[in-house]
């Protein structure tokens, strides 16, 4: 799954276009490297998203499409943020 779509379906970012813009601005890192919106997310990746002055880091637990918004929170675990 592309990282912009993953951020949207996991509800870390509200809209896919916003996730795409954040990736193009270079504020998304996976395992310490900046990535583009087309990066393919894998289970176990550590994603860091720069939200203003406070970045948030999450570990990917699942890349399956969620069936509801309560399941979306099970797609990742917050490491720091």
PDB file of N, CA and C in Angstrom:
ATOM      1  N   UNK A   1       0.850  -1.169   0.000  1.00  0.00           N
ATOM      2  CA  UNK A   1       0.000   0.000   0.000  1.00  0.00           C
ATOM      3  C   UNK A   1       0.903   1.241   0.000  1.00  0.00           C
ATOM      4  N   UNK A   2       0.551   2.228  -0.804  1.00  0.00           N
ATOM      5  CA  UNK A   2       1.310   3.483  -0.849  1.00  0.00           C
ATOM      6  C   UNK A   2       1.228   4.199   0.492  1.00  0.00           C
ATOM      7  N   UNK A   3       2.273   4.966   0.820  1.00  0.00           N
ATOM      8  CA  UNK A   3       2.302   5.616   2.131  1.00  0.00           C
ATOM      9  C   UNK A   3       1.228   6.691   2.253  1.00  0.00           C
ATOM     10  N   UNK A   4       0.908   7.405   1.183  1.00  0.00           N
ATOM     11  CA  UNK A   4      -0.135   8.421   1.288  1.00  0.00           C
ATOM     12  C   UNK A   4      -1.492   7.778   1.561  1.00  0.00           C
ATOM     13  N   UNK A   5      -1.763   6.633   0.931  1.00  0.00           N
ATOM     14  CA  UNK A   5      -3.016   5.920   1.184  1.00  0.00           C
ATOM     15  C   UNK A   5      -3.018   5.317   2.592  1.00  0.00           C
ATOM     16  N   UNK A   6      -1.864   4.785   3.028  1.00  0.00           N
ATOM     17  CA  UNK A   6      -1.776   4.197   4.370  1.00  0.00           C
ATOM     18  C   UNK A   6      -2.075   5.250   5.439  1.00  0.00           C
ATOM     19  N   UNK A   7      -1.493   6.440   5.301  1.00  0.00           N
ATOM     20  CA  UNK A   7      -1.720   7.495   6.295  1.00  0.00           C
ATOM     21  C   UNK A   7      -3.186   7.900   6.337  1.00  0.00           C
ATOM     22  N   UNK A   8      -3.875   7.845   5.195  1.00  0.00           N
ATOM     23  CA  UNK A   8      -5.293   8.195   5.164  1.00  0.00           C
ATOM     24  C   UNK A   8      -6.158   7.098   5.786  1.00  0.00           C
ATOM     25  N   UNK A   9      -5.972   5.835   5.376  1.00  0.00           N
ATOM     26  CA  UNK A   9      -6.840   4.773   5.892  1.00  0.00           C
ATOM     27  C   UNK A   9      -6.556   4.457   7.360  1.00  0.00           C
ATOM     28  N   UNK A  10      -5.340   4.735   7.843  1.00  0.00           N
ATOM     29  CA  UNK A  10      -5.040   4.529   9.257  1.00  0.00           C
ATOM     30  C   UNK A  10      -5.468   5.734  10.091  1.00  0.00           C
ATOM     31  N   UNK A  11      -5.945   6.759   9.425  1.00  0.00           N
ATOM     32  CA  UNK A  11      -6.460   7.980  10.051  1.00  0.00           C
ATOM     33  C   UNK A  11      -5.397   8.780  10.795  1.00  0.00           C
ATOM     34  N   UNK A  12      -4.145   8.661  10.364  1.00  0.00           N
ATOM     35  CA  UNK A  12      -3.090   9.530  10.896  1.00  0.00           C
ATOM     36  C   UNK A  12      -3.188  10.905  10.262  1.00  0.00           C
ATOM     37  N   UNK A  13      -3.573  10.953   8.981  1.00  0.00           N
ATOM     38  CA  UNK A  13      -3.820  12.205   8.259  1.00  0.00           C
ATOM     39  C   UNK A  13      -5.204  12.096   7.647  1.00  0.00           C
ATOM     40  N   UNK A  14      -5.955  13.207   7.715  1.00  0.00           N
ATOM     41  CA  UNK A  14      -7.370  13.171   7.374  1.00  0.00           C
ATOM     42  C   UNK A  14      -7.665  12.914   5.893  1.00  0.00           C
ATOM     43  N   UNK A  15      -6.870  13.509   5.003  1.00  0.00           N
ATOM     44  CA  UNK A  15      -7.134  13.369   3.573  1.00  0.00           C
ATOM     45  C   UNK A  15      -5.895  12.876   2.840  1.00  0.00           C
ATOM     46  N   UNK A  16      -6.123  12.115   1.771  1.00  0.00           N
ATOM     47  CA  UNK A  16      -4.998  11.565   1.008  1.00  0.00           C
ATOM     48  C   UNK A  16      -4.228  12.669   0.290  1.00  0.00           C
ATOM     49  N   UNK A  17      -4.918  13.713  -0.171  1.00  0.00           N
ATOM     50  CA  UNK A  17      -4.211  14.801  -0.837  1.00  0.00           C
ATOM     51  C   UNK A  17      -3.283  15.524   0.124  1.00  0.00           C
ATOM     52  N   UNK A  18      -3.701  15.668   1.372  1.00  0.00           N
ATOM     53  CA  UNK A  18      -2.850  16.288   2.385  1.00  0.00           C
ATOM     54  C   UNK A  18      -1.637  15.391   2.651  1.00  0.00           C
ATOM     55  N   UNK A  19      -1.855  14.089   2.738  1.00  0.00           N
ATOM     56  CA  UNK A  19      -0.749  13.147   2.948  1.00  0.00           C
ATOM     57  C   UNK A  19       0.229  13.214   1.780  1.00  0.00           C
ATOM     58  N   UNK A  20      -0.282  13.353   0.566  1.00  0.00           N
ATOM     59  CA  UNK A  20       0.555  13.469  -0.613  1.00  0.00           C
ATOM     60  C   UNK A  20       1.394  14.746  -0.559  1.00  0.00           C
ATOM     61  N   UNK A  21       0.793  15.856  -0.147  1.00  0.00           N
ATOM     62  CA  UNK A  21       1.512  17.127  -0.038  1.00  0.00           C
ATOM     63  C   UNK A  21       2.586  17.064   1.042  1.00  0.00           C
ATOM     64  N   UNK A  22       2.282  16.429   2.163  1.00  0.00           N
ATOM     65  CA  UNK A  22       3.250  16.292   3.257  1.00  0.00           C
ATOM     66  C   UNK A  22       4.446  15.456   2.786  1.00  0.00           C
ATOM     67  N   UNK A  23       4.186  14.405   2.026  1.00  0.00           N
ATOM     68  CA  UNK A  23       5.265  13.566   1.509  1.00  0.00           C
ATOM     69  C   UNK A  23       6.122  14.337   0.507  1.00  0.00           C
ATOM     70  N   UNK A  24       5.480  15.109  -0.368  1.00  0.00           N
ATOM     71  CA  UNK A  24       6.219  15.892  -1.355  1.00  0.00           C
ATOM     72  C   UNK A  24       7.063  16.981  -0.693  1.00  0.00           C
ATOM     73  N   UNK A  25       6.632  17.458   0.470  1.00  0.00           N
ATOM     74  CA  UNK A  25       7.391  18.475   1.205  1.00  0.00           C
ATOM     75  C   UNK A  25       8.570  17.868   1.967  1.00  0.00           C
ATOM     76  N   UNK A  26       8.676  16.537   1.989  1.00  0.00           N
ATOM     77  CA  UNK A  26       9.793  15.871   2.652  1.00  0.00           C
ATOM     78  C   UNK A  26       9.637  15.735   4.152  1.00  0.00           C
ATOM     79  N   UNK A  27       8.402  15.781   4.654  1.00  0.00           N
ATOM     80  CA  UNK A  27       8.172  15.692   6.100  1.00  0.00           C
ATOM     81  C   UNK A  27       7.779  14.292   6.561  1.00  0.00           C
ATOM     82  N   UNK A  28       7.887  13.290   5.666  1.00  0.00           N
ATOM     83  CA  UNK A  28       7.621  11.907   6.048  1.00  0.00           C
ATOM     84  C   UNK A  28       8.912  11.113   5.880  1.00  0.00           C
ATOM     85  N   UNK A  29       9.294  10.412   6.940  1.00  0.00           N
ATOM     86  CA  UNK A  29      10.462   9.541   6.896  1.00  0.00           C
ATOM     87  C   UNK A  29      10.038   8.126   7.255  1.00  0.00           C
ATOM     88  N   UNK A  30      10.632   7.154   6.590  1.00  0.00           N
ATOM     89  CA  UNK A  30      10.412   5.750   6.909  1.00  0.00           C
ATOM     90  C   UNK A  30      11.773   5.151   7.226  1.00  0.00           C
ATOM     91  N   UNK A  31      11.899   4.622   8.432  1.00  0.00           N
ATOM     92  CA  UNK A  31      13.160   4.036   8.902  1.00  0.00           C
ATOM     93  C   UNK A  31      14.319   5.023   8.768  1.00  0.00           C
ATOM     94  N   UNK A  32      14.035   6.323   9.032  1.00  0.00           N
ATOM     95  CA  UNK A  32      15.073   7.341   9.023  1.00  0.00           C
ATOM     96  C   UNK A  32      15.389   7.961   7.674  1.00  0.00           C
ATOM     97  N   UNK A  33      14.697   7.545   6.612  1.00  0.00           N
ATOM     98  CA  UNK A  33      14.954   8.098   5.278  1.00  0.00           C
ATOM     99  C   UNK A  33      13.712   8.817   4.768  1.00  0.00           C
ATOM    100  N   UNK A  34      13.868  10.014   4.188  1.00  0.00           N
ATOM    101  CA  UNK A  34      12.705  10.693   3.597  1.00  0.00           C
ATOM    102  C   UNK A  34      12.181   9.901   2.397  1.00  0.00           C
ATOM    103  N   UNK A  35      10.862   9.855   2.259  1.00  0.00           N
ATOM    104  CA  UNK A  35      10.249   9.076   1.178  1.00  0.00           C
ATOM    105  C   UNK A  35       9.234   9.916   0.415  1.00  0.00           C
ATOM    106  N   UNK A  36       8.932   9.473  -0.796  1.00  0.00           N
ATOM    107  CA  UNK A  36       7.895  10.090  -1.629  1.00  0.00           C
ATOM    108  C   UNK A  36       6.552   9.431  -1.311  1.00  0.00           C
ATOM    109  N   UNK A  37       5.480   9.996  -1.840  1.00  0.00           N
ATOM    110  CA  UNK A  37       4.128   9.487  -1.589  1.00  0.00           C
ATOM    111  C   UNK A  37       3.913   8.091  -2.164  1.00  0.00           C
ATOM    112  N   UNK A  38       4.727   7.677  -3.112  1.00  0.00           N
ATOM    113  CA  UNK A  38       4.535   6.379  -3.752  1.00  0.00           C
ATOM    114  C   UNK A  38       5.263   5.240  -3.037  1.00  0.00           C
ATOM    115  N   UNK A  39       5.932   5.524  -1.931  1.00  0.00           N
ATOM    116  CA  UNK A  39       6.663   4.489  -1.194  1.00  0.00           C
ATOM    117  C   UNK A  39       5.693   3.402  -0.738  1.00  0.00           C
ATOM    118  N   UNK A  40       6.081   2.135  -0.907  1.00  0.00           N
ATOM    119  CA  UNK A  40       5.243   0.995  -0.509  1.00  0.00           C
ATOM    120  C   UNK A  40       5.530   0.646   0.954  1.00  0.00           C
ATOM    121  N   UNK A  41       4.530   0.801   1.809  1.00  0.00           N
ATOM    122  CA  UNK A  41       4.659   0.544   3.239  1.00  0.00           C
ATOM    123  C   UNK A  41       4.662  -0.957   3.493  1.00  0.00           C
ATOM    124  N   UNK A  42       5.542  -1.399   4.402  1.00  0.00           N
ATOM    125  CA  UNK A  42       5.615  -2.805   4.793  1.00  0.00           C
ATOM    126  C   UNK A  42       5.410  -2.916   6.303  1.00  0.00           C
ATOM    127  N   UNK A  43       4.953  -4.053   6.764  1.00  0.00           N
ATOM    128  CA  UNK A  43       4.788  -4.306   8.190  1.00  0.00           C
ATOM    129  C   UNK A  43       6.151  -4.204   8.868  1.00  0.00           C
ATOM    130  N   UNK A  44       6.202  -3.474   9.985  1.00  0.00           N
ATOM    131  CA  UNK A  44       7.447  -3.299  10.715  1.00  0.00           C
ATOM    132  C   UNK A  44       8.143  -1.986  10.431  1.00  0.00           C
ATOM    133  N   UNK A  45       7.737  -1.262   9.390  1.00  0.00           N
ATOM    134  CA  UNK A  45       8.333   0.041   9.093  1.00  0.00           C
ATOM    135  C   UNK A  45       8.032   1.024  10.217  1.00  0.00           C
ATOM    136  N   UNK A  46       8.971   1.930  10.476  1.00  0.00           N
ATOM    137  CA  UNK A  46       8.767   3.009  11.436  1.00  0.00           C
ATOM    138  C   UNK A  46       8.594   4.290  10.639  1.00  0.00           C
ATOM    139  N   UNK A  47       7.403   4.888  10.734  1.00  0.00           N
ATOM    140  CA  UNK A  47       7.067   6.094   9.988  1.00  0.00           C
ATOM    141  C   UNK A  47       7.128   7.283  10.937  1.00  0.00           C
ATOM    142  N   UNK A  48       7.843   8.333  10.524  1.00  0.00           N
ATOM    143  CA  UNK A  48       7.899   9.578  11.285  1.00  0.00           C
ATOM    144  C   UNK A  48       7.295  10.669  10.420  1.00  0.00           C
ATOM    145  N   UNK A  49       6.267  11.332  10.950  1.00  0.00           N
ATOM    146  CA  UNK A  49       5.582  12.402  10.225  1.00  0.00           C
ATOM    147  C   UNK A  49       5.792  13.694  10.998  1.00  0.00           C
ATOM    148  N   UNK A  50       6.279  14.727  10.309  1.00  0.00           N
ATOM    149  CA  UNK A  50       6.492  16.022  10.947  1.00  0.00           C
ATOM    150  C   UNK A  50       5.220  16.841  10.953  1.00  0.00           C
ATOM    151  N   UNK A  51       4.580  16.952  12.111  1.00  0.00           N
ATOM    152  CA  UNK A  51       3.396  17.786  12.287  1.00  0.00           C
ATOM    153  C   UNK A  51       3.833  19.062  12.986  1.00  0.00           C
ATOM    154  N   UNK A  52       4.084  20.124  12.252  1.00  0.00           N
ATOM    155  CA  UNK A  52       4.512  21.378  12.859  1.00  0.00           C
ATOM    156  C   UNK A  52       5.840  21.209  13.567  1.00  0.00           C
ATOM    157  N   UNK A  53       5.876  21.502  14.863  1.00  0.00           N
ATOM    158  CA  UNK A  53       7.122  21.393  15.622  1.00  0.00           C
ATOM    159  C   UNK A  53       7.258  20.054  16.330  1.00  0.00           C
ATOM    160  N   UNK A  54       6.187  19.252  16.336  1.00  0.00           N
ATOM    161  CA  UNK A  54       6.214  17.992  17.077  1.00  0.00           C
ATOM    162  C   UNK A  54       6.020  16.806  16.138  1.00  0.00           C
ATOM    163  N   UNK A  55       7.091  16.075  15.827  1.00  0.00           N
ATOM    164  CA  UNK A  55       6.921  14.895  14.969  1.00  0.00           C
ATOM    165  C   UNK A  55       6.291  13.732  15.739  1.00  0.00           C
ATOM    166  N   UNK A  56       5.644  12.834  15.013  1.00  0.00           N
ATOM    167  CA  UNK A  56       5.059  11.644  15.610  1.00  0.00           C
ATOM    168  C   UNK A  56       5.659  10.433  14.907  1.00  0.00           C
ATOM    169  N   UNK A  57       6.027   9.416  15.686  1.00  0.00           N
ATOM    170  CA  UNK A  57       6.589   8.187  15.126  1.00  0.00           C
ATOM    171  C   UNK A  57       5.667   7.026  15.446  1.00  0.00           C
ATOM    172  N   UNK A  58       5.379   6.211  14.432  1.00  0.00           N
ATOM    173  CA  UNK A  58       4.519   5.038  14.598  1.00  0.00           C
ATOM    174  C   UNK A  58       5.171   3.834  13.937  1.00  0.00           C
ATOM    175  N   UNK A  59       4.859   2.656  14.455  1.00  0.00           N
ATOM    176  CA  UNK A  59       5.326   1.400  13.860  1.00  0.00           C
ATOM    177  C   UNK A  59       4.140   0.758  13.155  1.00  0.00           C
ATOM    178  N   UNK A  60       4.345   0.345  11.909  1.00  0.00           N
ATOM    179  CA  UNK A  60       3.294  -0.275  11.105  1.00  0.00           C
ATOM    180  C   UNK A  60       3.074  -1.705  11.595  1.00  0.00           C
ATOM    181  N   UNK A  61       1.832  -2.019  11.988  1.00  0.00           N
ATOM    182  CA  UNK A  61       1.479  -3.361  12.429  1.00  0.00           C
ATOM    183  C   UNK A  61       0.747  -4.140  11.340  1.00  0.00           C
ATOM    184  N   UNK A  62       0.049  -3.413  10.468  1.00  0.00           N
ATOM    185  CA  UNK A  62      -0.734  -4.077   9.426  1.00  0.00           C
ATOM    186  C   UNK A  62      -0.886  -3.143   8.232  1.00  0.00           C
ATOM    187  N   UNK A  63      -0.925  -3.728   7.046  1.00  0.00           N
ATOM    188  CA  UNK A  63      -1.197  -2.939   5.839  1.00  0.00           C
ATOM    189  C   UNK A  63      -2.495  -3.377   5.179  1.00  0.00           C
ATOM    190  N   UNK A  64      -3.301  -4.165   5.885  1.00  0.00           N
ATOM    191  CA  UNK A  64      -4.607  -4.602   5.380  1.00  0.00           C
ATOM    192  C   UNK A  64      -5.585  -3.425   5.428  1.00  0.00           C
ATOM    193  N   UNK A  65      -6.490  -3.371   4.467  1.00  0.00           N
ATOM    194  CA  UNK A  65      -7.504  -2.319   4.450  1.00  0.00           C
ATOM    195  C   UNK A  65      -8.460  -2.533   5.631  1.00  0.00           C
ATOM    196  N   UNK A  66      -8.685  -1.493   6.455  1.00  0.00           N
ATOM    197  CA  UNK A  66      -9.579  -1.657   7.604  1.00  0.00           C
ATOM    198  C   UNK A  66     -11.041  -1.717   7.175  1.00  0.00           C
ATOM    199  N   UNK A  67     -11.867  -2.363   7.999  1.00  0.00           N
ATOM    200  CA  UNK A  67     -13.287  -2.461   7.702  1.00  0.00           C
ATOM    201  C   UNK A  67     -14.097  -1.410   8.449  1.00  0.00           C
ATOM    202  N   UNK A  68     -13.489  -0.703   9.381  1.00  0.00           N
ATOM    203  CA  UNK A  68     -14.170   0.349  10.129  1.00  0.00           C
ATOM    204  C   UNK A  68     -13.166   1.245  10.811  1.00  0.00           C
ATOM    205  N   UNK A  69     -13.651   2.381  11.339  1.00  0.00           N
ATOM    206  CA  UNK A  69     -12.709   3.318  11.932  1.00  0.00           C
ATOM    207  C   UNK A  69     -12.121   2.829  13.252  1.00  0.00           C
ATOM    208  N   UNK A  70     -12.800   1.931  13.961  1.00  0.00           N
ATOM    209  CA  UNK A  70     -12.239   1.388  15.198  1.00  0.00           C
ATOM    210  C   UNK A  70     -11.083   0.432  14.894  1.00  0.00           C
ATOM    211  N   UNK A  71     -11.109  -0.213  13.736  1.00  0.00           N
ATOM    212  CA  UNK A  71     -10.048  -1.138  13.330  1.00  0.00           C
ATOM    213  C   UNK A  71      -8.827  -0.370  12.813  1.00  0.00           C
ATOM    214  N   UNK A  72      -9.029   0.844  12.336  1.00  0.00           N
ATOM    215  CA  UNK A  72      -7.933   1.646  11.785  1.00  0.00           C
ATOM    216  C   UNK A  72      -6.850   1.909  12.832  1.00  0.00           C
ATOM    217  N   UNK A  73      -7.212   2.012  14.082  1.00  0.00           N
ATOM    218  CA  UNK A  73      -6.220   2.268  15.133  1.00  0.00           C
ATOM    219  C   UNK A  73      -5.337   1.067  15.402  1.00  0.00           C
ATOM    220  N   UNK A  74      -5.759  -0.114  14.953  1.00  0.00           N
ATOM    221  CA  UNK A  74      -4.961  -1.318  15.141  1.00  0.00           C
ATOM    222  C   UNK A  74      -3.919  -1.497  14.036  1.00  0.00           C
ATOM    223  N   UNK A  75      -3.869  -0.569  13.082  1.00  0.00           N
ATOM    224  CA  UNK A  75      -2.911  -0.658  11.987  1.00  0.00           C
ATOM    225  C   UNK A  75      -1.520  -0.183  12.392  1.00  0.00           C
ATOM    226  N   UNK A  76      -1.412   0.544  13.513  1.00  0.00           N
ATOM    227  CA  UNK A  76      -0.134   1.086  13.935  1.00  0.00           C
ATOM    228  C   UNK A  76      -0.066   1.184  15.442  1.00  0.00           C
ATOM    229  N   UNK A  77       1.164   1.345  15.979  1.00  0.00           N
ATOM    230  CA  UNK A  77       1.338   1.660  17.379  1.00  0.00           C
ATOM    231  C   UNK A  77       2.221   2.889  17.469  1.00  0.00           C
ATOM    232  N   UNK A  78       1.886   3.793  18.364  1.00  0.00           N
ATOM    233  CA  UNK A  78       2.641   5.029  18.526  1.00  0.00           C
ATOM    234  C   UNK A  78       3.905   4.752  19.315  1.00  0.00           C
ATOM    235  N   UNK A  79       5.042   5.158  18.758  1.00  0.00           N
ATOM    236  CA  UNK A  79       6.326   4.981  19.442  1.00  0.00           C
ATOM    237  C   UNK A  79       6.615   6.222  20.277  1.00  0.00           C
ATOM    238  N   UNK A  80       6.545   7.391  19.638  1.00  0.00           N
ATOM    239  CA  UNK A  80       6.681   8.654  20.357  1.00  0.00           C
ATOM    240  C   UNK A  80       5.921   9.722  19.610  1.00  0.00           C
ATOM    241  N   UNK A  81       5.451  10.698  20.364  1.00  0.00           N
ATOM    242  CA  UNK A  81       4.702  11.742  19.681  1.00  0.00           C
ATOM    243  C   UNK A  81       3.830  12.515  20.549  1.00  0.00           C
TER     244      UNK A  81
END
